[in-house]
Amino acid sequence: MSMSLRAYARHRGVALSAVQKAIASGRIQVEADGRIDQNKADAQWDRHTRMAQPTTPKVVTQQVVTPRVVSTERPAAPPTPPAASSDDARGVDYHKARAVRETYSARLAKLEFEERTGKLISKDEVDIKYFQLARQLRDRMQQIPRKVAPEIVALVVADPDVRGVTDILDVAIREALEDLAR
């Protein structure tokens, strides 16, 4: 059913300017003759309009309720949903894209805040520190044989005991690791 913009505004219970804004923003479409198809526009309006504020309530007429007979038979096939139009895709894509953008912005702001407060450091700083510590560990481990060789020789000559050599090596390794931990 085709109607004018004013009639559609009255039908929706909104101001004419609200209908004009909905048309301008692409939330509802007008026919080629400048009129609005009520059913199509209602579906588009419901799909693309967020209800931020309550609207003026529509006038409700009393309806007579008649008892319904419930059939125990199953219908042959479930009703098929209406085919998605290009309006659905555009609206959904916009809302999804906006949600993704807002999520990304929030995460980025959180990371920047944590970096400024010192909770986060850059990967480059970690890599440099890791490399330096690994090099120091390597150097200390390579110094152990030169440092303990005289003690081991003296122990083996005096008393060839494996436990004594193990103790000397354990002490030297522990000292090297404790020096690096400081």
Protein backbone atom coordinates (compact mmCIF):
# COMPACT_ATOMS: atom_id res chain seq x y z
CA MET A 1 0.00 0.00 0.00
CA SER A 2 1.58 3.25 -1.15
CA MET A 3 1.25 6.42 0.95
CA SER A 4 2.68 9.92 1.25
CA LEU A 5 5.51 10.86 3.62
CA ARG A 6 3.11 12.69 5.96
CA ALA A 7 0.70 9.76 6.03
CA TYR A 8 3.56 7.36 6.74
CA ALA A 9 4.81 9.60 9.57
CA ARG A 10 1.30 9.58 11.06
CA HIS A 11 1.15 5.79 10.62
CA ARG A 12 4.49 5.33 12.45
CA GLY A 13 3.59 7.88 15.12
CA VAL A 14 6.70 9.97 14.40
CA ALA A 15 7.39 13.44 13.07
CA LEU A 16 7.63 14.08 9.34
CA SER A 17 11.25 15.13 9.86
CA ALA A 18 12.04 11.68 11.30
CA VAL A 19 10.73 10.03 8.14
CA GLN A 20 12.69 12.49 5.99
CA LYS A 21 15.88 11.76 7.96
CA ALA A 22 15.31 8.02 7.60
CA ILE A 23 14.99 8.43 3.83
CA ALA A 24 18.07 10.69 3.65
CA SER A 25 20.19 8.25 5.65
CA GLY A 26 19.03 5.29 3.56
CA ARG A 27 17.20 3.50 6.37
CA ILE A 28 14.01 3.40 4.31
CA GLN A 29 13.46 3.74 0.58
CA VAL A 30 10.82 5.60 -1.38
CA GLU A 31 9.14 4.35 -4.52
CA ALA A 32 9.91 5.88 -7.92
CA ASP A 33 6.84 8.13 -7.62
CA GLY A 34 8.09 9.57 -4.29
CA ARG A 35 5.59 7.67 -2.17
CA ILE A 36 6.29 5.03 0.46
CA ASP A 37 5.26 1.38 0.39
CA GLN A 38 3.99 0.92 3.95
CA ASN A 39 4.86 -2.77 4.43
CA LYS A 40 8.33 -2.49 2.91
CA ALA A 41 9.12 0.73 4.80
CA ASP A 42 7.90 -0.72 8.11
CA ALA A 43 10.23 -3.70 7.71
CA GLN A 44 13.16 -1.44 6.77
CA TRP A 45 12.39 0.97 9.63
CA ASP A 46 12.36 -1.84 12.19
CA ARG A 47 15.56 -3.33 10.80
CA HIS A 48 17.60 -0.17 10.57
CA THR A 49 16.39 2.02 13.42
CA ARG A 50 17.83 1.73 16.90
CA MET A 51 15.35 2.55 19.61
CA ALA A 52 17.32 5.03 21.73
CA GLN A 53 14.26 6.86 23.06
CA PRO A 54 10.72 5.66 23.48
CA THR A 55 8.39 6.81 20.73
CA THR A 56 4.88 8.11 21.08
CA PRO A 57 2.61 5.14 21.71
CA LYS A 58 0.32 4.18 18.87
CA VAL A 59 -3.42 4.29 19.38
CA VAL A 60 -4.49 0.76 20.21
CA THR A 61 -7.98 -0.38 19.35
CA GLN A 62 -9.61 -3.16 21.26
CA GLN A 63 -9.64 -6.40 19.41
CA VAL A 64 -11.99 -9.25 20.03
CA VAL A 65 -10.04 -12.37 20.87
CA THR A 66 -11.46 -15.52 19.38
CA PRO A 67 -10.37 -18.93 20.61
CA ARG A 68 -8.01 -20.66 18.26
CA VAL A 69 -8.33 -24.30 17.32
CA VAL A 70 -4.99 -26.01 17.61
CA SER A 71 -4.31 -28.71 15.08
CA THR A 72 -2.28 -31.75 16.05
CA GLU A 73 -1.08 -32.24 12.51
CA ARG A 74 2.27 -30.87 11.51
CA PRO A 75 2.45 -28.49 8.59
CA ALA A 76 4.02 -29.92 5.45
CA ALA A 77 6.99 -27.53 5.50
CA PRO A 78 8.07 -24.79 7.86
CA PRO A 79 7.53 -21.29 6.56
CA THR A 80 10.57 -19.94 4.79
CA PRO A 81 11.99 -16.65 6.01
CA PRO A 82 11.85 -13.78 3.56
CA ALA A 83 14.90 -13.48 1.34
CA ALA A 84 17.49 -11.05 2.63
CA SER A 85 17.56 -7.87 0.64
CA SER A 86 20.52 -5.65 -0.02
CA ASP A 87 19.26 -3.43 2.82
CA ASP A 88 19.78 -6.28 5.30
CA ALA A 89 23.33 -6.86 4.18
CA ARG A 90 24.23 -3.18 4.25
CA GLY A 91 22.72 -2.64 7.71
CA VAL A 92 24.27 -5.74 9.21
CA ASP A 93 27.65 -5.02 7.66
CA TYR A 94 27.60 -1.46 8.96
CA HIS A 95 26.73 -2.51 12.50
CA LYS A 96 29.28 -5.34 12.47
CA ALA A 97 31.94 -3.05 11.07
CA ARG A 98 31.17 -0.42 13.66
CA ALA A 99 31.32 -3.00 16.47
CA VAL A 100 34.68 -4.27 15.18
CA ARG A 101 36.00 -0.71 14.94
CA GLU A 102 34.85 0.14 18.47
CA THR A 103 36.36 -3.07 19.85
CA TYR A 104 39.66 -2.38 18.10
CA SER A 105 39.73 1.21 19.39
CA ALA A 106 39.04 0.06 22.94
CA ARG A 107 41.77 -2.57 22.83
CA LEU A 108 44.24 -0.10 21.34
CA ALA A 109 43.43 2.45 24.05
CA LYS A 110 43.92 -0.22 26.72
CA LEU A 111 47.32 -1.21 25.28
CA GLU A 112 48.45 2.41 25.10
CA PHE A 113 47.37 2.98 28.70
CA GLU A 114 49.19 -0.12 29.94
CA GLU A 115 52.32 0.86 28.01
CA ARG A 116 52.28 4.37 29.51
CA THR A 117 51.79 3.05 33.03
CA GLY A 118 54.72 0.67 32.62
CA LYS A 119 52.78 -2.59 32.59
CA LEU A 120 53.89 -3.32 29.03
CA ILE A 121 57.27 -3.03 27.35
CA SER A 122 58.14 -3.29 23.70
CA LYS A 123 59.16 -6.57 22.11
CA ASP A 124 62.45 -5.05 20.94
CA GLU A 125 63.43 -4.22 24.54
CA VAL A 126 62.65 -7.79 25.62
CA ASP A 127 64.64 -9.24 22.72
CA ILE A 128 67.69 -7.09 23.53
CA LYS A 129 67.56 -7.96 27.25
CA TYR A 130 67.09 -11.67 26.48
CA PHE A 131 70.06 -11.67 24.11
CA GLN A 132 72.28 -9.95 26.69
CA LEU A 133 71.32 -12.39 29.45
CA ALA A 134 71.85 -15.41 27.19
CA ARG A 135 75.29 -14.12 26.20
CA GLN A 136 76.25 -13.55 29.86
CA LEU A 137 75.08 -17.06 30.76
CA ARG A 138 77.09 -18.56 27.92
CA ASP A 139 80.23 -16.64 28.96
CA ARG A 140 79.90 -17.67 32.62
CA MET A 141 79.37 -21.33 31.71
CA GLN A 142 82.43 -21.28 29.45
CA GLN A 143 84.55 -19.86 32.31
CA ILE A 144 83.68 -22.69 34.71
CA PRO A 145 86.15 -25.28 33.32
CA ARG A 146 89.07 -22.81 33.50
CA LYS A 147 88.09 -21.75 37.00
CA VAL A 148 87.62 -25.20 38.57
CA ALA A 149 90.17 -27.25 36.59
CA PRO A 150 92.99 -26.71 39.14
CA GLU A 151 90.69 -27.71 42.02
CA ILE A 152 89.57 -30.85 40.19
CA VAL A 153 93.14 -31.87 39.35
CA ALA A 154 94.22 -31.39 42.97
CA LEU A 155 91.26 -33.42 44.20
CA VAL A 156 91.79 -36.26 41.70
CA VAL A 157 95.52 -36.50 42.52
CA ALA A 158 94.88 -36.52 46.26
CA ASP A 159 91.73 -38.68 46.27
CA PRO A 160 90.13 -39.90 42.99
CA ASP A 161 86.51 -39.44 44.08
CA VAL A 162 83.64 -38.75 41.64
CA ARG A 163 81.53 -37.17 44.36
CA GLY A 164 84.17 -34.55 45.10
CA VAL A 165 84.40 -33.56 41.41
CA THR A 166 80.61 -33.34 41.22
CA ASP A 167 80.52 -31.11 44.31
CA ILE A 168 83.13 -28.75 42.85
CA LEU A 169 81.18 -28.48 39.56
CA ASP A 170 77.87 -27.95 41.40
CA VAL A 171 79.30 -25.11 43.48
CA ALA A 172 80.83 -23.43 40.41
CA ILE A 173 77.58 -23.66 38.39
CA ARG A 174 75.49 -22.40 41.33
CA GLU A 175 77.82 -19.41 41.82
CA ALA A 176 77.64 -18.55 38.10
CA LEU A 177 73.83 -18.68 38.09
CA GLU A 178 73.55 -16.66 41.31
CA ASP A 179 75.81 -13.97 39.83
CA LEU A 180 73.53 -13.74 36.80
CA ALA A 181 70.41 -13.57 38.98
CA ARG A 182 71.62 -10.35 40.61
